[in-house]
N, C-alpha and C. Protein backbone atom coordinates (compact mmCIF):
# COMPACT_ATOMS: atom_id res chain seq x y z
N UNK A 1 0.85 -1.18 0.00
CA UNK A 1 0.00 0.00 0.00
C UNK A 1 0.89 1.24 0.00
N UNK A 2 0.59 2.17 -0.88
CA UNK A 2 1.31 3.44 -0.89
C UNK A 2 0.28 4.56 -0.88
N UNK A 3 0.71 5.71 -0.46
CA UNK A 3 -0.17 6.87 -0.40
C UNK A 3 0.20 7.80 -1.56
N UNK A 4 -0.75 8.17 -2.40
CA UNK A 4 -0.46 9.11 -3.49
C UNK A 4 0.04 10.44 -2.92
N UNK A 5 0.87 11.14 -3.68
CA UNK A 5 1.48 12.39 -3.22
C UNK A 5 0.44 13.42 -2.74
N UNK A 6 -0.64 13.58 -3.49
CA UNK A 6 -1.66 14.56 -3.08
C UNK A 6 -2.25 14.20 -1.72
N UNK A 7 -2.54 12.91 -1.51
CA UNK A 7 -3.08 12.48 -0.23
C UNK A 7 -2.05 12.64 0.88
N UNK A 8 -0.79 12.36 0.58
CA UNK A 8 0.27 12.51 1.59
C UNK A 8 0.39 13.97 2.02
N UNK A 9 0.40 14.88 1.07
CA UNK A 9 0.49 16.30 1.41
C UNK A 9 -0.74 16.76 2.20
N UNK A 10 -1.91 16.30 1.79
CA UNK A 10 -3.15 16.63 2.49
C UNK A 10 -3.10 16.10 3.92
N UNK A 11 -2.66 14.88 4.08
CA UNK A 11 -2.55 14.27 5.41
C UNK A 11 -1.59 15.07 6.28
N UNK A 12 -0.42 15.41 5.75
CA UNK A 12 0.57 16.15 6.52
C UNK A 12 0.04 17.52 6.93
N UNK A 13 -0.72 18.17 6.05
CA UNK A 13 -1.33 19.47 6.39
C UNK A 13 -2.26 19.36 7.59
N UNK A 14 -2.89 18.20 7.76
CA UNK A 14 -3.87 18.02 8.83
C UNK A 14 -3.30 17.35 10.07
N UNK A 15 -2.01 17.02 10.05
CA UNK A 15 -1.37 16.49 11.25
C UNK A 15 -1.23 17.64 12.24
N UNK A 16 -1.40 17.35 13.52
CA UNK A 16 -1.22 18.38 14.54
C UNK A 16 0.15 19.03 14.38
N UNK A 17 0.25 20.34 14.59
CA UNK A 17 1.52 21.04 14.36
C UNK A 17 2.72 20.37 15.03
N UNK A 18 2.53 19.83 16.20
CA UNK A 18 3.63 19.17 16.93
C UNK A 18 4.21 17.99 16.16
N UNK A 19 3.42 17.36 15.29
CA UNK A 19 3.82 16.15 14.58
C UNK A 19 4.20 16.40 13.13
N UNK A 20 4.01 17.63 12.65
CA UNK A 20 4.19 17.88 11.21
C UNK A 20 5.62 17.66 10.73
N UNK A 21 6.60 18.14 11.45
CA UNK A 21 7.97 17.96 10.99
C UNK A 21 8.32 16.48 10.91
N UNK A 22 7.93 15.71 11.90
CA UNK A 22 8.19 14.26 11.89
C UNK A 22 7.52 13.62 10.67
N UNK A 23 6.28 14.00 10.39
CA UNK A 23 5.57 13.43 9.23
C UNK A 23 6.25 13.82 7.93
N UNK A 24 6.72 15.07 7.84
CA UNK A 24 7.40 15.51 6.62
C UNK A 24 8.72 14.79 6.42
N UNK A 25 9.45 14.53 7.51
CA UNK A 25 10.71 13.79 7.40
C UNK A 25 10.45 12.38 6.89
N UNK A 26 9.45 11.71 7.46
CA UNK A 26 9.11 10.35 7.00
C UNK A 26 8.73 10.39 5.52
N UNK A 27 7.94 11.37 5.13
CA UNK A 27 7.47 11.50 3.75
C UNK A 27 8.62 11.72 2.77
N UNK A 28 9.53 12.62 3.11
CA UNK A 28 10.61 12.97 2.17
C UNK A 28 11.72 11.94 2.10
N UNK A 29 11.94 11.19 3.16
CA UNK A 29 13.08 10.27 3.21
C UNK A 29 12.68 8.80 3.19
N UNK A 30 11.39 8.49 3.12
CA UNK A 30 10.97 7.09 3.06
C UNK A 30 11.44 6.30 4.27
N UNK A 31 11.37 6.91 5.43
CA UNK A 31 11.87 6.26 6.64
C UNK A 31 10.83 5.35 7.27
N UNK A 32 11.33 4.33 7.93
CA UNK A 32 10.50 3.55 8.84
C UNK A 32 10.32 4.40 10.10
N UNK A 33 9.24 4.18 10.83
CA UNK A 33 9.00 4.94 12.05
C UNK A 33 10.15 4.75 13.03
N UNK A 34 10.65 3.53 13.14
CA UNK A 34 11.76 3.26 14.07
C UNK A 34 13.00 4.06 13.69
N UNK A 35 13.24 4.25 12.41
CA UNK A 35 14.38 5.06 11.96
C UNK A 35 14.17 6.52 12.35
N UNK A 36 12.96 7.01 12.15
CA UNK A 36 12.62 8.39 12.51
C UNK A 36 12.82 8.61 14.01
N UNK A 37 12.29 7.70 14.81
CA UNK A 37 12.32 7.88 16.26
C UNK A 37 13.73 7.74 16.84
N UNK A 38 14.64 7.16 16.09
CA UNK A 38 16.02 7.01 16.56
C UNK A 38 16.90 8.21 16.19
N UNK A 39 16.39 9.16 15.42
CA UNK A 39 17.21 10.29 14.98
C UNK A 39 17.65 11.17 16.14
N UNK A 40 18.92 11.54 16.12
CA UNK A 40 19.49 12.48 17.07
C UNK A 40 20.26 13.54 16.27
N UNK A 41 20.71 14.61 16.92
CA UNK A 41 21.51 15.60 16.19
C UNK A 41 22.75 14.98 15.54
N UNK A 42 23.24 13.86 16.07
CA UNK A 42 24.41 13.21 15.49
C UNK A 42 24.15 12.65 14.09
N UNK A 43 22.88 12.52 13.69
CA UNK A 43 22.54 12.04 12.35
C UNK A 43 22.70 13.12 11.29
N UNK A 44 22.95 14.36 11.71
CA UNK A 44 23.05 15.48 10.77
C UNK A 44 24.50 15.93 10.72
N UNK A 45 25.13 15.67 9.56
CA UNK A 45 26.56 15.96 9.41
C UNK A 45 26.81 16.65 8.07
N UNK A 46 27.42 17.81 8.12
CA UNK A 46 27.81 18.53 6.90
C UNK A 46 26.66 18.69 5.91
N UNK A 47 25.50 19.07 6.40
CA UNK A 47 24.35 19.29 5.52
C UNK A 47 23.71 18.02 5.01
N UNK A 48 24.04 16.90 5.61
CA UNK A 48 23.47 15.62 5.18
C UNK A 48 22.75 14.95 6.35
N UNK A 49 21.79 14.13 6.02
CA UNK A 49 21.12 13.28 6.98
C UNK A 49 21.72 11.89 6.81
N UNK A 50 22.35 11.38 7.84
CA UNK A 50 23.02 10.08 7.80
C UNK A 50 22.21 9.13 8.66
N UNK A 51 21.68 8.07 8.04
CA UNK A 51 20.80 7.15 8.74
C UNK A 51 21.23 5.71 8.50
N UNK A 52 21.42 4.98 9.59
CA UNK A 52 21.63 3.53 9.50
C UNK A 52 20.25 2.93 9.35
N UNK A 53 19.96 2.43 8.15
CA UNK A 53 18.64 1.86 7.89
C UNK A 53 18.51 0.54 8.62
N UNK A 54 17.31 0.26 9.08
CA UNK A 54 17.04 -0.95 9.85
C UNK A 54 16.86 -2.16 8.94
N UNK A 55 16.57 -3.28 9.54
CA UNK A 55 16.41 -4.56 8.84
C UNK A 55 17.66 -4.90 8.03
N UNK A 56 18.82 -4.75 8.66
CA UNK A 56 20.11 -5.05 8.05
C UNK A 56 20.40 -4.18 6.84
N UNK A 57 19.80 -2.98 6.82
CA UNK A 57 20.00 -2.08 5.69
C UNK A 57 21.33 -1.37 5.77
N UNK A 58 21.63 -0.67 4.72
CA UNK A 58 22.87 0.10 4.61
C UNK A 58 22.66 1.48 5.24
N UNK A 59 23.74 2.15 5.49
CA UNK A 59 23.68 3.54 5.94
C UNK A 59 23.44 4.41 4.71
N UNK A 60 22.49 5.33 4.82
CA UNK A 60 22.23 6.25 3.72
C UNK A 60 22.70 7.64 4.12
N UNK A 61 23.18 8.38 3.13
CA UNK A 61 23.58 9.77 3.30
C UNK A 61 22.78 10.57 2.29
N UNK A 62 21.86 11.38 2.78
CA UNK A 62 20.98 12.12 1.89
C UNK A 62 21.04 13.60 2.23
N UNK A 63 20.96 14.43 1.19
CA UNK A 63 21.00 15.85 1.45
C UNK A 63 19.71 16.27 2.16
N UNK A 64 19.80 17.36 2.88
CA UNK A 64 18.63 17.86 3.60
C UNK A 64 17.73 18.57 2.60
N UNK A 65 16.48 18.16 2.54
CA UNK A 65 15.50 18.76 1.64
C UNK A 65 15.38 20.24 2.02
N UNK A 66 15.54 21.15 1.06
CA UNK A 66 15.54 22.59 1.37
C UNK A 66 14.33 23.05 2.20
N UNK A 67 13.16 22.50 1.93
CA UNK A 67 11.98 22.96 2.68
C UNK A 67 11.99 22.51 4.14
N UNK A 68 12.88 21.60 4.49
CA UNK A 68 13.01 21.14 5.88
C UNK A 68 14.23 21.73 6.59
N UNK A 69 15.15 22.30 5.82
CA UNK A 69 16.46 22.71 6.33
C UNK A 69 16.37 23.60 7.57
N UNK A 70 15.68 24.72 7.48
CA UNK A 70 15.66 25.67 8.60
C UNK A 70 15.04 25.06 9.85
N UNK A 71 13.94 24.38 9.67
CA UNK A 71 13.24 23.79 10.82
C UNK A 71 14.10 22.70 11.48
N UNK A 72 14.74 21.87 10.66
CA UNK A 72 15.62 20.83 11.21
C UNK A 72 16.84 21.44 11.89
N UNK A 73 17.42 22.49 11.28
CA UNK A 73 18.57 23.16 11.89
C UNK A 73 18.23 23.69 13.27
N UNK A 74 17.07 24.36 13.39
CA UNK A 74 16.65 24.90 14.69
C UNK A 74 16.47 23.78 15.72
N UNK A 75 15.84 22.70 15.29
CA UNK A 75 15.60 21.59 16.21
C UNK A 75 16.91 20.95 16.65
N UNK A 76 17.79 20.68 15.70
CA UNK A 76 19.08 20.05 16.00
C UNK A 76 19.90 20.91 16.96
N UNK A 77 19.91 22.23 16.73
CA UNK A 77 20.68 23.13 17.59
C UNK A 77 20.11 23.23 19.00
N UNK A 78 18.84 22.93 19.17
CA UNK A 78 18.20 23.04 20.48
C UNK A 78 18.39 21.80 21.36
N UNK A 79 19.00 20.75 20.79
CA UNK A 79 19.11 19.48 21.50
C UNK A 79 20.55 19.13 21.84
N UNK A 80 20.71 18.27 22.84
CA UNK A 80 22.03 17.70 23.14
C UNK A 80 22.35 16.66 22.07
N UNK A 81 23.63 16.35 21.85
CA UNK A 81 24.01 15.43 20.76
C UNK A 81 23.28 14.08 20.74
N UNK A 82 23.01 13.50 21.89
CA UNK A 82 22.39 12.17 21.89
C UNK A 82 20.88 12.22 22.14
N UNK A 83 20.32 13.41 22.23
CA UNK A 83 18.89 13.56 22.50
C UNK A 83 18.07 13.28 21.23
N UNK A 84 16.98 12.55 21.37
CA UNK A 84 16.15 12.21 20.21
C UNK A 84 15.43 13.44 19.67
N UNK A 85 15.38 13.56 18.34
CA UNK A 85 14.67 14.66 17.71
C UNK A 85 13.17 14.56 17.97
N UNK A 86 12.67 13.36 17.92
CA UNK A 86 11.23 13.14 18.06
C UNK A 86 10.98 12.14 19.19
N UNK A 87 10.92 12.63 20.44
CA UNK A 87 10.73 11.73 21.58
C UNK A 87 9.27 11.33 21.73
N UNK A 88 8.80 10.58 20.79
CA UNK A 88 7.41 10.12 20.75
C UNK A 88 7.42 8.61 20.58
N UNK A 89 6.26 8.01 20.69
CA UNK A 89 6.18 6.56 20.51
C UNK A 89 5.63 6.25 19.12
N UNK A 90 5.90 5.05 18.67
CA UNK A 90 5.37 4.59 17.38
C UNK A 90 3.85 4.68 17.37
N UNK A 91 3.25 4.24 18.47
CA UNK A 91 1.78 4.21 18.56
C UNK A 91 1.20 5.63 18.49
N UNK A 92 1.81 6.58 19.20
CA UNK A 92 1.32 7.95 19.15
C UNK A 92 1.48 8.56 17.76
N UNK A 93 2.58 8.23 17.09
CA UNK A 93 2.77 8.73 15.74
C UNK A 93 1.68 8.19 14.83
N UNK A 94 1.40 6.89 14.92
CA UNK A 94 0.35 6.28 14.11
C UNK A 94 -1.01 6.90 14.43
N UNK A 95 -1.30 7.06 15.72
CA UNK A 95 -2.59 7.66 16.12
C UNK A 95 -2.77 9.05 15.52
N UNK A 96 -1.70 9.83 15.53
CA UNK A 96 -1.80 11.17 14.98
C UNK A 96 -1.99 11.17 13.48
N UNK A 97 -1.39 10.23 12.78
CA UNK A 97 -1.65 10.10 11.34
C UNK A 97 -3.11 9.69 11.11
N UNK A 98 -3.62 8.81 11.94
CA UNK A 98 -5.02 8.39 11.82
C UNK A 98 -5.97 9.56 12.08
N UNK A 99 -5.68 10.35 13.11
CA UNK A 99 -6.51 11.53 13.40
C UNK A 99 -6.47 12.51 12.22
N UNK A 100 -5.29 12.70 11.65
CA UNK A 100 -5.15 13.59 10.50
C UNK A 100 -5.94 13.05 9.31
N UNK A 101 -5.95 11.74 9.14
CA UNK A 101 -6.72 11.14 8.04
C UNK A 101 -8.21 11.44 8.23
N UNK A 102 -8.68 11.33 9.44
CA UNK A 102 -10.10 11.62 9.70
C UNK A 102 -10.42 13.09 9.43
N UNK A 103 -9.51 13.99 9.76
CA UNK A 103 -9.74 15.43 9.51
C UNK A 103 -9.62 15.78 8.03
N UNK A 104 -8.76 15.07 7.32
CA UNK A 104 -8.45 15.45 5.93
C UNK A 104 -9.30 14.72 4.90
N UNK A 105 -9.94 13.63 5.30
CA UNK A 105 -10.70 12.83 4.35
C UNK A 105 -9.85 11.80 3.61
N UNK A 106 -8.59 11.64 4.00
CA UNK A 106 -7.70 10.64 3.41
C UNK A 106 -8.08 9.28 4.00
N UNK A 107 -8.08 8.26 3.17
CA UNK A 107 -8.39 6.90 3.61
C UNK A 107 -7.47 6.52 4.77
N UNK A 108 -8.00 6.21 5.94
CA UNK A 108 -7.15 5.87 7.10
C UNK A 108 -6.23 4.68 6.86
N UNK A 109 -6.57 3.81 5.91
CA UNK A 109 -5.68 2.67 5.61
C UNK A 109 -4.37 3.14 5.00
N UNK A 110 -4.35 4.36 4.47
CA UNK A 110 -3.12 4.92 3.87
C UNK A 110 -2.34 5.77 4.86
N UNK A 111 -2.90 5.97 6.03
CA UNK A 111 -2.32 6.90 7.00
C UNK A 111 -1.36 6.18 7.95
N UNK A 112 -0.26 5.73 7.39
CA UNK A 112 0.80 5.15 8.21
C UNK A 112 2.14 5.40 7.52
N UNK A 113 3.19 5.41 8.32
CA UNK A 113 4.51 5.79 7.81
C UNK A 113 4.99 4.87 6.69
N UNK A 114 4.66 3.60 6.77
CA UNK A 114 5.17 2.69 5.74
C UNK A 114 4.54 2.98 4.38
N UNK A 115 3.34 3.54 4.37
CA UNK A 115 2.74 3.96 3.10
C UNK A 115 3.56 5.09 2.48
N UNK A 116 4.15 5.96 3.33
CA UNK A 116 5.04 7.00 2.84
C UNK A 116 6.31 6.38 2.26
N UNK A 117 6.81 5.34 2.91
CA UNK A 117 8.02 4.67 2.42
C UNK A 117 7.76 4.07 1.03
N UNK A 118 6.63 3.42 0.87
CA UNK A 118 6.28 2.85 -0.43
C UNK A 118 6.12 3.96 -1.48
N UNK A 119 5.52 5.08 -1.08
CA UNK A 119 5.35 6.19 -2.02
C UNK A 119 6.71 6.73 -2.46
N UNK A 120 7.66 6.83 -1.52
CA UNK A 120 9.01 7.28 -1.89
C UNK A 120 9.63 6.32 -2.89
N UNK A 121 9.54 5.04 -2.61
CA UNK A 121 10.10 4.05 -3.53
C UNK A 121 9.52 4.18 -4.92
N UNK A 122 8.22 4.37 -5.01
CA UNK A 122 7.55 4.52 -6.31
C UNK A 122 7.99 5.81 -7.01
N UNK A 123 8.03 6.90 -6.23
CA UNK A 123 8.43 8.19 -6.80
C UNK A 123 9.87 8.13 -7.30
N UNK A 124 10.75 7.55 -6.47
CA UNK A 124 12.16 7.46 -6.85
C UNK A 124 12.35 6.51 -8.02
N UNK A 125 11.52 5.47 -8.14
CA UNK A 125 11.64 4.54 -9.26
C UNK A 125 11.36 5.25 -10.59
N UNK A 126 10.51 6.24 -10.56
CA UNK A 126 10.22 6.99 -11.78
C UNK A 126 11.40 7.89 -12.17
N UNK A 127 12.27 8.18 -11.21
CA UNK A 127 13.36 9.11 -11.46
C UNK A 127 14.71 8.44 -11.70
N UNK A 128 14.85 7.20 -11.23
CA UNK A 128 16.17 6.58 -11.32
C UNK A 128 16.09 5.09 -11.54
N UNK A 129 17.25 4.47 -11.44
CA UNK A 129 17.34 3.02 -11.65
C UNK A 129 17.00 2.29 -10.36
N UNK A 130 16.75 1.01 -10.49
CA UNK A 130 16.43 0.22 -9.30
C UNK A 130 17.60 0.19 -8.32
N UNK A 131 18.83 0.23 -8.83
CA UNK A 131 20.00 0.28 -7.96
C UNK A 131 20.04 1.60 -7.17
N UNK A 132 19.67 2.68 -7.82
CA UNK A 132 19.63 3.97 -7.14
C UNK A 132 18.56 3.99 -6.06
N UNK A 133 17.41 3.42 -6.37
CA UNK A 133 16.32 3.36 -5.39
C UNK A 133 16.74 2.49 -4.21
N UNK A 134 17.40 1.37 -4.48
CA UNK A 134 17.90 0.51 -3.41
C UNK A 134 18.85 1.29 -2.50
N UNK A 135 19.71 2.10 -3.08
CA UNK A 135 20.64 2.90 -2.28
C UNK A 135 19.90 3.92 -1.43
N UNK A 136 18.90 4.57 -1.99
CA UNK A 136 18.13 5.57 -1.25
C UNK A 136 17.39 4.95 -0.06
N UNK A 137 16.84 3.76 -0.26
CA UNK A 137 16.08 3.09 0.80
C UNK A 137 16.98 2.31 1.75
N UNK A 138 18.25 2.17 1.40
CA UNK A 138 19.19 1.44 2.23
C UNK A 138 19.13 -0.06 2.07
N UNK A 139 18.54 -0.52 0.99
CA UNK A 139 18.41 -1.96 0.76
C UNK A 139 19.73 -2.58 0.32
N UNK A 140 19.93 -3.82 0.71
CA UNK A 140 21.10 -4.57 0.26
C UNK A 140 20.79 -5.42 -0.97
N UNK A 141 19.51 -5.72 -1.19
CA UNK A 141 19.17 -6.57 -2.34
C UNK A 141 18.14 -5.89 -3.23
N UNK A 142 18.24 -6.18 -4.49
CA UNK A 142 17.29 -5.64 -5.48
C UNK A 142 15.89 -6.23 -5.23
N UNK A 143 15.83 -7.46 -4.76
CA UNK A 143 14.53 -8.09 -4.48
C UNK A 143 13.75 -7.28 -3.45
N UNK A 144 14.43 -6.80 -2.42
CA UNK A 144 13.75 -5.99 -1.40
C UNK A 144 13.23 -4.69 -2.01
N UNK A 145 13.97 -4.13 -2.93
CA UNK A 145 13.58 -2.88 -3.57
C UNK A 145 12.43 -3.08 -4.54
N UNK A 146 12.43 -4.19 -5.25
CA UNK A 146 11.43 -4.41 -6.29
C UNK A 146 10.02 -4.34 -5.75
N UNK A 147 9.79 -4.83 -4.53
CA UNK A 147 8.42 -4.81 -4.01
C UNK A 147 7.96 -3.39 -3.68
N UNK A 148 8.88 -2.46 -3.44
CA UNK A 148 8.50 -1.08 -3.16
C UNK A 148 8.30 -0.28 -4.43
N UNK A 149 8.87 -0.75 -5.52
CA UNK A 149 8.92 0.09 -6.71
C UNK A 149 8.07 -0.44 -7.86
N UNK A 150 7.17 -1.35 -7.58
CA UNK A 150 6.28 -1.83 -8.63
C UNK A 150 5.47 -0.65 -9.16
N UNK A 151 5.55 -0.43 -10.45
CA UNK A 151 4.88 0.71 -11.06
C UNK A 151 3.77 0.25 -11.98
N UNK A 152 2.69 0.98 -11.95
CA UNK A 152 1.66 0.78 -12.96
C UNK A 152 2.03 1.70 -14.12
N UNK A 153 1.81 1.22 -15.33
CA UNK A 153 2.09 2.07 -16.48
C UNK A 153 1.03 3.17 -16.51
N UNK A 154 1.48 4.39 -16.52
CA UNK A 154 0.58 5.51 -16.66
C UNK A 154 1.13 6.44 -17.75
N UNK A 155 0.39 7.48 -18.04
CA UNK A 155 0.79 8.37 -19.13
C UNK A 155 2.16 8.99 -18.88
N UNK A 156 2.43 9.39 -17.64
CA UNK A 156 3.73 10.00 -17.33
C UNK A 156 4.88 9.02 -17.57
N UNK A 157 4.71 7.79 -17.12
CA UNK A 157 5.75 6.79 -17.32
C UNK A 157 5.95 6.53 -18.81
N UNK A 158 4.87 6.43 -19.55
CA UNK A 158 5.02 6.14 -20.98
C UNK A 158 5.75 7.26 -21.71
N UNK A 159 5.61 8.50 -21.26
CA UNK A 159 6.32 9.62 -21.90
C UNK A 159 7.84 9.42 -21.82
N UNK A 160 8.27 8.84 -20.70
CA UNK A 160 9.71 8.63 -20.51
C UNK A 160 10.28 7.71 -21.58
N UNK A 161 9.51 6.71 -22.00
CA UNK A 161 10.01 5.70 -22.93
C UNK A 161 9.58 5.91 -24.37
N UNK A 162 8.57 6.74 -24.59
CA UNK A 162 8.03 6.89 -25.95
C UNK A 162 8.38 8.25 -26.54
N UNK A 163 9.59 8.66 -26.40
CA UNK A 163 10.02 9.95 -26.96
C UNK A 163 10.70 9.75 -28.27
């Protein structure tokens, strides 16, 4: 299950302000909730977000999305090096996404962080190779990546190949 970009943005708009940055980070980086909740200021180095991906994944180094830069910088500077950026629980994060789904009209079945991860995989698959998507998600095997990047042929995809 993945959440379409319009629904993801709508959902994030309706998340309580306290949870919005966390939701945007999950959305932009395709993170698992556990990866998000483990973030500390030490994950931010030289303008990059460095994350050891879970499930035996690789470490990813990704640039900070410009629309998140200032807010993340302020948060990181306000914390001690080992202090968690988002000291919340998985269950509370899920509950807040569910509440936002009810307020926004987004299908609650799509209102979970892993749907954002699948959406990232699909979006990135349209932009790059499966090896690049595997690197972004921190996967060690192409098989793990393939299930996130299954694409339906649509008009946009066909434009890429029918030029």
